[in-house]
C-alpha cells in the first residue's frame, strides 16, 4: 500500500512538474513574443489590461467591436505612413467602389494656389459636358467648404475624396472667386475622359503630349498619339505630367517603351524578405530629345517616368518639385472581412533613386503663373528644345479636341 502511494506521489510530482514547465514555457514564450511585437516584455499584458480597464471601469458604454476596430486602426497608424491604413469591411467596400467605374466626379483637377489654398486647377475636357462645366466653375476657384463643412485644414487628397462619389449623388461646394463666396450645387457623373491628349505645335517639329493619369489603357493611348505625331514630323517631345497623380505601374512601363532605350529598367523595389522586383520596358532605338513638365501635384508613376528620363539623360525636367509619393502598397484581408493596406516597399528609378518623400527636383525650375495668364513652364520647355523664343501658339491639353 505504501509502495502504491509513493508511486502515485511520483506521478503527481511529474504531472505537476510538467504543468509548471508548460506554464513557464507559455509565460516565457509570451514574454518573448511580446518583446518581439512591442519592444517590451509586458507589452501584450499592458494591451490586455488597457482594454479590460476601458471595458470595465469607463463611465459609459463601450462597444467591444469598436474597441477592436480602433485598436487595429491604431496599430497601422503607428507606422506614421499616410498610405498604410486599416479598412473595416464597410470602409473597404466604399474604397473598392471609389476605384471602380461606378464611382463618379465633377470634372475638375485640384491644386494649390499661390496662397496655399486648394483651388480648381483645370476643368477636365470630357466627352460629354461635365458637372463642373455645367455649373460654371472656373480655374482659380478656391474650394472653402464641401456640403457646408469647412475645408480650411483639409489636404488636396481629402477634398478630392469628398468631392468624388456615386454617380447621380449631389455634392455642394462653397467656392471663393475674386473674394466673393458662391454656393454651387452639382450632381456627380461617371465621366469619360481621354487619359492622353497631344498635338504637334504649329509651325514646329515639337510635339506636345499630356498624360492625365496612368490608368487602364493609357499606355495604348499614348503609343497611338506618339506614333501619329511622329508621322506628322515630330522630332522633339514635351511630355506634360503636371497634376498627374500616377496610377498603374504597368501603364507607366508601356508609355516609357516609346522613348527609352531597349530593355531599360523603369522601376525596382526591394521587399521585406529581400526579394528584388524589377520592371523593364521593351524600349526603342528611335530616341528623340525630350522635356518633361512637372509640378507639386505630380506623383507616383509620373515621378518614376520623369526620374527615368533624367537618369537615362533623355531630357530635362521643367517646372517645380514633384509630390514625392514613391511607395508600394498591398492589401491583406483579415478574418472580420476588413483589410490592412500596407506599404511594403519604395520605388526606385533607373539609377536606384528613391523618390518617396523626396520627389523629383527639376533641372529647370519654373513657377506657374498663379493667374493662369500664360503657361510659363510650357514656354520654357519649348525654348529649351527648340533653342528659340516661342512664336507659335502653344497648346493647352484641355482644349485639344477629343478624337474618337
Protein backbone atom coordinates (compact mmCIF):
# COMPACT_ATOMS: atom_id res chain seq x y z
CA UNK A 1 0.00 0.00 0.00
CA UNK A 2 2.82 2.37 0.93
CA UNK A 3 4.56 1.48 -2.33
CA UNK A 4 1.43 2.38 -4.34
CA UNK A 5 1.08 5.71 -2.52
CA UNK A 6 4.73 6.57 -3.24
CA UNK A 7 4.22 5.65 -6.89
CA UNK A 8 1.22 7.99 -7.14
CA UNK A 9 3.22 10.71 -5.40
CA UNK A 10 5.98 10.39 -8.00
CA UNK A 11 3.42 10.51 -10.84
CA UNK A 12 1.76 13.53 -9.26
CA UNK A 13 5.13 15.30 -8.95
CA UNK A 14 5.88 14.55 -12.59
CA UNK A 15 2.44 15.79 -13.61
CA UNK A 16 2.73 18.98 -11.57
CA UNK A 17 6.29 19.45 -12.84
CA UNK A 18 5.05 19.12 -16.40
CA UNK A 19 2.33 21.69 -15.75
CA UNK A 20 4.90 24.03 -14.19
CA UNK A 21 7.23 23.62 -17.19
CA UNK A 22 4.31 24.28 -19.55
CA UNK A 23 3.31 27.40 -17.60
CA UNK A 24 6.89 28.68 -17.51
CA UNK A 25 7.25 27.92 -21.22
CA UNK A 26 3.98 29.66 -22.04
CA UNK A 27 4.82 32.73 -19.99
CA UNK A 28 8.37 32.83 -21.33
CA UNK A 29 7.14 32.42 -24.92
CA UNK A 30 4.52 35.10 -24.39
CA UNK A 31 7.11 37.50 -22.97
CA UNK A 32 9.44 36.82 -25.90
CA UNK A 33 6.60 37.29 -28.40
CA UNK A 34 5.53 40.46 -26.60
CA UNK A 35 9.07 41.81 -26.75
CA UNK A 36 9.31 40.99 -30.47
CA UNK A 37 5.95 42.63 -31.22
CA UNK A 38 6.12 45.68 -28.93
CA UNK A 39 9.75 46.01 -27.89
CA UNK A 40 8.61 45.44 -24.31
CA UNK A 41 8.26 42.15 -22.42
CA UNK A 42 4.98 43.11 -20.67
CA UNK A 43 3.60 44.80 -23.80
CA UNK A 44 0.86 42.24 -24.54
CA UNK A 45 -0.27 42.30 -20.93
CA UNK A 46 -0.44 46.11 -20.99
CA UNK A 47 -2.68 45.98 -24.07
CA UNK A 48 -4.93 43.41 -22.39
CA UNK A 49 -5.01 45.41 -19.15
CA UNK A 50 -5.89 48.64 -21.01
CA UNK A 51 -8.77 47.04 -22.89
CA UNK A 52 -10.02 45.42 -19.68
CA UNK A 53 -9.94 48.71 -17.75
CA UNK A 54 -11.80 50.55 -20.52
CA UNK A 55 -14.47 47.87 -20.80
CA UNK A 56 -14.98 47.50 -17.04
CA UNK A 57 -14.26 50.90 -15.49
CA UNK A 58 -15.18 53.55 -18.10
CA UNK A 59 -18.22 55.62 -17.03
CA UNK A 60 -20.23 54.79 -20.10
CA UNK A 61 -20.89 52.10 -22.66
CA UNK A 62 -18.00 50.83 -24.77
CA UNK A 63 -18.70 48.58 -27.74
CA UNK A 64 -16.25 45.66 -27.94
CA UNK A 65 -16.13 45.55 -31.75
CA UNK A 66 -15.44 49.30 -31.82
CA UNK A 67 -12.54 48.81 -29.37
CA UNK A 68 -11.13 46.09 -31.63
CA UNK A 69 -11.56 48.16 -34.80
CA UNK A 70 -9.87 51.20 -33.30
CA UNK A 71 -7.08 49.03 -31.87
CA UNK A 72 -6.37 47.62 -35.33
CA UNK A 73 -6.57 51.11 -36.81
CA UNK A 74 -4.12 52.42 -34.21
CA UNK A 75 -1.62 49.64 -34.88
CA UNK A 76 -1.44 50.53 -38.56
CA UNK A 77 -1.41 54.29 -37.86
CA UNK A 78 1.61 53.77 -35.59
CA UNK A 79 3.72 53.32 -38.74
CA UNK A 80 3.31 57.02 -39.41
CA UNK A 81 2.80 56.17 -43.09
CA UNK A 82 -0.16 58.05 -44.64
CA UNK A 83 -0.62 55.33 -47.26
CA UNK A 84 -0.96 52.45 -44.79
CA UNK A 85 -4.44 52.05 -43.36
CA UNK A 86 -6.89 49.65 -41.72
CA UNK A 87 -10.25 49.40 -43.50
CA UNK A 88 -13.32 47.93 -41.86
CA UNK A 89 -15.45 45.76 -44.13
CA UNK A 90 -17.75 48.74 -44.77
CA UNK A 91 -14.87 51.12 -45.47
CA UNK A 92 -13.18 48.68 -47.82
CA UNK A 93 -16.38 48.22 -49.80
CA UNK A 94 -16.59 52.01 -50.23
CA UNK A 95 -12.89 52.10 -51.21
CA UNK A 96 -13.43 49.49 -53.94
CA UNK A 97 -16.37 51.46 -55.31
CA UNK A 98 -14.17 54.54 -55.44
CA UNK A 99 -11.71 52.69 -57.67
CA UNK A 100 -14.38 51.21 -59.90
CA UNK A 101 -16.07 52.69 -62.93
CA UNK A 102 -19.23 53.14 -60.87
CA UNK A 103 -17.59 55.97 -58.97
CA UNK A 104 -18.17 59.50 -60.28
CA UNK A 105 -16.86 63.01 -60.04
CA UNK A 106 -17.49 66.55 -61.25
CA UNK A 107 -14.69 67.00 -63.80
CA UNK A 108 -12.01 69.11 -62.12
CA UNK A 109 -8.35 68.77 -61.22
CA UNK A 110 -7.26 70.40 -57.97
CA UNK A 111 -4.04 72.08 -56.97
CA UNK A 112 -2.66 74.61 -54.52
CA UNK A 113 -2.75 78.29 -55.38
CA UNK A 114 -0.04 80.81 -54.55
CA UNK A 115 -1.69 81.31 -51.15
CA UNK A 116 -1.52 77.58 -50.38
CA UNK A 117 -5.29 77.09 -50.60
CA UNK A 118 -6.84 74.28 -52.64
CA UNK A 119 -8.35 75.53 -55.87
CA UNK A 120 -9.58 74.35 -59.25
CA UNK A 121 -6.52 73.99 -61.46
CA UNK A 122 -8.28 72.74 -64.59
CA UNK A 123 -11.68 71.74 -65.83
CA UNK A 124 -11.17 68.34 -67.41
CA UNK A 125 -12.16 68.03 -71.06
CA UNK A 126 -14.77 65.28 -71.08
CA UNK A 127 -16.68 63.64 -73.93
CA UNK A 128 -19.95 64.96 -72.51
CA UNK A 129 -20.23 68.25 -70.58
CA UNK A 130 -19.01 67.73 -67.01
CA UNK A 131 -20.94 68.88 -63.91
CA UNK A 132 -18.18 71.45 -63.29
CA UNK A 133 -18.57 73.00 -66.73
CA UNK A 134 -22.36 72.98 -66.48
CA UNK A 135 -22.15 74.73 -63.09
CA UNK A 136 -19.74 77.35 -64.40
CA UNK A 137 -16.72 76.53 -62.23
CA UNK A 138 -13.54 78.31 -63.29
CA UNK A 139 -9.80 77.96 -62.91
CA UNK A 140 -8.68 79.53 -59.67
CA UNK A 141 -11.95 78.92 -57.77
CA UNK A 142 -10.95 78.17 -54.19
CA UNK A 143 -12.91 75.36 -52.52
CA UNK A 144 -13.57 76.54 -48.97
CA UNK A 145 -16.38 74.14 -47.99
CA UNK A 146 -17.97 70.88 -49.14
CA UNK A 147 -21.55 70.16 -48.12
CA UNK A 148 -21.27 73.16 -45.77
CA UNK A 149 -18.26 71.64 -43.99
CA UNK A 150 -15.24 73.97 -43.97
CA UNK A 151 -12.17 72.58 -45.76
CA UNK A 152 -9.65 75.07 -44.35
CA UNK A 153 -7.34 72.41 -42.87
CA UNK A 154 -8.06 69.67 -45.42
CA UNK A 155 -5.45 68.24 -47.76
CA UNK A 156 -5.98 68.03 -51.52
CA UNK A 157 -6.45 64.29 -51.16
CA UNK A 158 -9.18 64.69 -48.55
CA UNK A 159 -11.00 67.31 -50.62
CA UNK A 160 -10.78 65.13 -53.74
CA UNK A 161 -12.16 62.15 -51.85
CA UNK A 162 -15.07 64.23 -50.52
CA UNK A 163 -15.94 65.52 -53.99
CA UNK A 164 -16.00 62.06 -55.56
CA UNK A 165 -18.99 59.78 -55.03
CA UNK A 166 -21.56 57.57 -56.68
CA UNK A 167 -22.91 58.89 -60.00
CA UNK A 168 -26.22 60.66 -59.53
CA UNK A 169 -25.48 61.78 -55.96
CA UNK A 170 -25.30 65.50 -55.11
CA UNK A 171 -22.39 67.49 -53.74
CA UNK A 172 -22.48 71.15 -52.70
CA UNK A 173 -19.36 73.30 -52.96
CA UNK A 174 -18.68 76.67 -51.44
CA UNK A 175 -16.14 78.47 -53.58
CA UNK A 176 -14.28 81.73 -53.26
CA UNK A 177 -13.84 83.64 -56.53
CA UNK A 178 -12.11 87.02 -56.50
CA UNK A 179 -13.02 87.49 -52.86
CA UNK A 180 -16.70 86.59 -53.34
CA UNK A 181 -18.30 83.45 -51.87
CA UNK A 182 -20.56 81.37 -54.05
CA UNK A 183 -22.59 78.20 -53.42
CA UNK A 184 -22.57 75.66 -56.25
CA UNK A 185 -24.72 72.51 -56.36
CA UNK A 186 -23.54 69.69 -58.63
CA UNK A 187 -24.56 66.12 -59.41
CA UNK A 188 -21.71 63.64 -59.75
CA UNK A 189 -21.32 61.80 -63.06
CA UNK A 190 -19.32 58.83 -64.32
CA UNK A 191 -17.05 60.91 -66.51
CA UNK A 192 -15.48 59.71 -69.73
CA UNK A 193 -12.17 61.39 -70.46
CA UNK A 194 -9.15 60.60 -72.58
CA UNK A 195 -6.11 59.94 -70.42
CA UNK A 196 -3.71 61.04 -73.15
CA UNK A 197 -4.00 64.03 -75.49
CA UNK A 198 -1.43 65.52 -77.82
CA UNK A 199 -0.70 67.70 -80.80
CA UNK A 200 2.14 68.99 -82.94
CA UNK A 201 2.92 72.58 -82.01
CA UNK A 202 2.03 74.74 -85.02
CA UNK A 203 4.98 75.82 -87.14
CA UNK A 204 7.44 73.49 -85.44
CA UNK A 205 8.62 69.88 -85.17
CA UNK A 206 8.00 69.83 -81.40
CA UNK A 207 5.21 67.59 -80.19
CA UNK A 208 3.20 68.08 -77.02
CA UNK A 209 1.57 65.18 -75.14
CA UNK A 210 -0.19 65.37 -71.79
CA UNK A 211 -0.90 62.29 -69.68
CA UNK A 212 -3.66 62.96 -67.15
CA UNK A 213 -3.17 59.67 -65.25
CA UNK A 214 -1.61 56.24 -65.73
CA UNK A 215 -4.91 54.40 -65.83
CA UNK A 216 -6.06 51.38 -67.78
CA UNK A 217 -5.06 51.59 -71.47
CA UNK A 218 -3.12 54.83 -71.03
CA UNK A 219 -0.05 53.07 -72.45
CA UNK A 220 -2.04 52.12 -75.56
CA UNK A 221 -3.47 55.64 -75.89
CA UNK A 222 -0.02 57.23 -75.52
CA UNK A 223 1.53 54.92 -78.12
CA UNK A 224 -1.22 55.82 -80.61
CA UNK A 225 -0.78 59.58 -80.09
CA UNK A 226 3.03 59.32 -80.10
CA UNK A 227 3.15 57.38 -83.36
CA UNK A 228 0.68 59.76 -85.00
CA UNK A 229 2.80 62.78 -84.09
CA UNK A 230 5.97 61.06 -85.30
CA UNK A 231 4.30 60.53 -88.69
CA UNK A 232 3.36 64.20 -88.70
CA UNK A 233 7.01 65.18 -88.31
CA UNK A 234 7.60 65.30 -84.53
CA UNK A 235 11.35 65.34 -83.82
CA UNK A 236 11.21 66.54 -80.20
CA UNK A 237 8.66 65.95 -77.42
CA UNK A 238 7.30 67.92 -74.48
CA UNK A 239 5.77 65.39 -72.07
CA UNK A 240 3.34 67.08 -69.68
CA UNK A 241 2.92 65.20 -66.38
CA UNK A 242 1.65 68.11 -64.29
CA UNK A 243 -1.15 67.22 -61.87
CA UNK A 244 -0.74 63.56 -62.84
CA UNK A 245 -1.39 61.53 -59.65
CA UNK A 246 0.17 58.34 -61.02
CA UNK A 247 -1.66 55.04 -61.32
CA UNK A 248 -0.78 51.65 -62.74
CA UNK A 249 2.93 50.82 -62.97
CA UNK A 250 2.36 48.56 -65.97
CA UNK A 251 0.95 51.54 -67.88
CA UNK A 252 3.93 53.71 -66.96
CA UNK A 253 6.18 50.97 -68.35
CA UNK A 254 4.09 50.79 -71.54
CA UNK A 255 4.27 54.57 -72.00
CA UNK A 256 8.03 54.62 -71.41
CA UNK A 257 8.65 51.92 -74.03
CA UNK A 258 8.07 54.57 -76.70
CA UNK A 259 11.04 56.73 -75.76
CA UNK A 260 13.55 54.85 -73.53
CA UNK A 261 16.44 52.66 -74.77
CA UNK A 262 15.71 48.97 -75.22
CA UNK A 263 15.36 46.84 -72.07
CA UNK A 264 15.59 49.86 -69.75
CA UNK A 265 14.74 49.42 -66.07
CA UNK A 266 11.78 51.68 -65.32
CA UNK A 267 11.49 50.95 -61.63
CA UNK A 268 12.53 48.47 -58.98
CA UNK A 269 11.87 47.88 -55.31
CA UNK A 270 13.02 45.55 -52.54
CA UNK A 271 10.51 43.63 -50.39
CA UNK A 272 10.93 42.94 -46.66
CA UNK A 273 12.24 39.45 -47.46
CA UNK A 274 15.00 40.97 -49.58
CA UNK A 275 13.48 39.92 -52.90
CA UNK A 276 14.01 42.49 -55.65
CA UNK A 277 11.22 43.31 -58.11
CA UNK A 278 12.21 44.94 -61.38
CA UNK A 279 10.05 46.33 -64.20
CA UNK A 280 11.68 46.80 -67.60
CA UNK A 281 10.43 48.46 -70.79
CA UNK A 282 10.83 46.93 -74.23
CA UNK A 283 12.14 50.32 -75.34
CA UNK A 284 13.25 51.60 -78.75
CA UNK A 285 16.31 52.62 -80.77
CA UNK A 286 14.43 55.66 -82.09
CA UNK A 287 15.22 58.21 -79.37
CA UNK A 288 14.29 61.90 -79.60
CA UNK A 289 15.08 64.92 -77.37
CA UNK A 290 12.52 65.46 -74.61
CA UNK A 291 11.42 67.89 -71.92
CA UNK A 292 9.12 66.86 -69.06
CA UNK A 293 6.74 69.20 -67.24
CA UNK A 294 6.06 68.53 -63.55
CA UNK A 295 4.62 70.29 -60.51
CA UNK A 296 3.89 69.54 -56.87
CA UNK A 297 0.78 67.56 -57.81
CA UNK A 298 2.76 65.13 -59.98
CA UNK A 299 3.07 61.89 -58.03
CA UNK A 300 3.88 58.19 -58.04
CA UNK A 301 4.15 56.71 -61.55
CA UNK A 302 4.55 60.16 -63.11
CA UNK A 303 7.55 60.79 -60.85
CA UNK A 304 9.06 57.44 -61.83
CA UNK A 305 8.78 58.27 -65.55
CA UNK A 306 10.28 61.75 -65.06
CA UNK A 307 13.07 60.35 -62.87
CA UNK A 308 13.95 57.74 -65.50
CA UNK A 309 14.12 60.40 -68.21
CA UNK A 310 16.63 62.24 -66.01
CA UNK A 311 18.59 59.09 -65.17
CA UNK A 312 18.82 57.99 -68.80
CA UNK A 313 19.75 61.53 -69.95
CA UNK A 314 16.84 61.60 -72.37
CA UNK A 315 15.73 65.11 -71.48
CA UNK A 316 15.27 67.79 -68.83
CA UNK A 317 12.55 68.15 -66.22
CA UNK A 318 10.97 71.62 -66.18
CA UNK A 319 8.64 73.07 -63.54
CA UNK A 320 8.56 72.68 -59.76
CA UNK A 321 9.48 69.78 -57.41
CA UNK A 322 7.04 66.88 -57.51
CA UNK A 323 4.94 65.45 -54.69
CA UNK A 324 7.20 62.61 -53.51
CA UNK A 325 4.94 59.55 -53.44
CA UNK A 326 7.05 56.51 -54.29
CA UNK A 327 5.79 53.65 -52.18
CA UNK A 328 4.21 50.27 -52.96
CA UNK A 329 1.04 49.21 -51.14
CA UNK A 330 -0.63 45.83 -50.96
CA UNK A 331 -3.84 44.67 -49.27
CA UNK A 332 -4.04 41.91 -46.64
CA UNK A 333 -7.52 40.52 -45.81
CA UNK A 334 -8.48 39.90 -42.17
CA UNK A 335 -10.90 37.42 -40.63
CA UNK A 336 -13.51 40.14 -39.93
CA UNK A 337 -13.65 40.94 -43.69
CA UNK A 338 -11.70 44.10 -43.05
CA UNK A 339 -8.32 44.64 -44.69
CA UNK A 340 -4.99 46.26 -43.99
CA UNK A 341 -3.48 48.31 -46.81
CA UNK A 342 0.21 48.34 -46.00
CA UNK A 343 3.25 49.94 -47.59
CA UNK A 344 5.64 47.09 -48.35
CA UNK A 345 8.35 48.78 -50.42
CA UNK A 346 9.56 52.00 -52.01
CA UNK A 347 10.04 52.61 -55.71
CA UNK A 348 13.47 53.28 -57.17
CA UNK A 349 14.17 54.88 -60.53
CA UNK A 350 16.50 53.56 -63.24
CA UNK A 351 19.61 54.62 -61.29
CA UNK A 352 18.25 53.44 -57.94
CA UNK A 353 16.95 56.77 -56.66
CA UNK A 354 14.13 56.62 -54.11
CA UNK A 355 11.52 59.32 -54.68
CA UNK A 356 9.36 58.77 -51.59
CA UNK A 357 9.18 61.99 -49.56
CA UNK A 358 11.93 63.33 -51.85
CA UNK A 359 10.16 63.86 -55.15
CA UNK A 360 11.85 64.81 -58.39
CA UNK A 361 13.85 68.02 -58.50
CA UNK A 362 13.51 69.81 -61.85
CA UNK A 363 16.57 70.55 -63.94
CA UNK A 364 14.97 73.90 -64.78
CA UNK A 365 12.76 75.44 -62.07
CA UNK A 366 9.85 77.45 -63.47
CA UNK A 367 6.91 78.56 -61.35
CA UNK A 368 3.41 78.50 -62.80
CA UNK A 369 1.58 81.77 -63.35
CA UNK A 370 -0.90 81.95 -60.42
CA UNK A 371 -3.35 83.96 -62.53
CA UNK A 372 -3.27 81.48 -65.46
CA UNK A 373 -2.48 84.23 -67.96
CA UNK A 374 0.23 82.17 -69.66
CA UNK A 375 1.85 78.74 -69.38
CA UNK A 376 5.36 79.66 -68.25
CA UNK A 377 6.71 76.10 -67.79
CA UNK A 378 5.48 75.08 -71.25
CA UNK A 379 7.07 78.16 -72.80
CA UNK A 380 10.36 77.34 -71.03
CA UNK A 381 10.25 73.72 -72.23
CA UNK A 382 9.62 74.87 -75.82
CA UNK A 383 12.58 77.27 -75.68
CA UNK A 384 14.75 74.53 -74.17
CA UNK A 385 14.04 72.11 -77.02
CA UNK A 386 13.77 74.46 -79.99
CA UNK A 387 16.53 76.84 -78.94
CA UNK A 388 14.41 79.83 -79.82
CA UNK A 389 11.76 82.03 -78.25
CA UNK A 390 8.25 80.71 -78.60
CA UNK A 391 6.46 82.21 -81.57
CA UNK A 392 3.73 79.70 -82.26
CA UNK A 393 0.58 79.45 -80.16
CA UNK A 394 1.34 76.80 -77.55
CA UNK A 395 -1.36 74.22 -76.81
CA UNK A 396 -3.48 73.68 -73.74
CA UNK A 397 -4.17 69.97 -73.34
CA UNK A 398 -7.66 70.71 -72.05
CA UNK A 399 -8.64 72.46 -75.28
CA UNK A 400 -7.22 69.85 -77.66
CA UNK A 401 -10.28 68.26 -79.31
CA UNK A 402 -11.31 64.81 -78.16
CA UNK A 403 -10.77 62.35 -81.00
CA UNK A 404 -12.89 59.23 -81.14
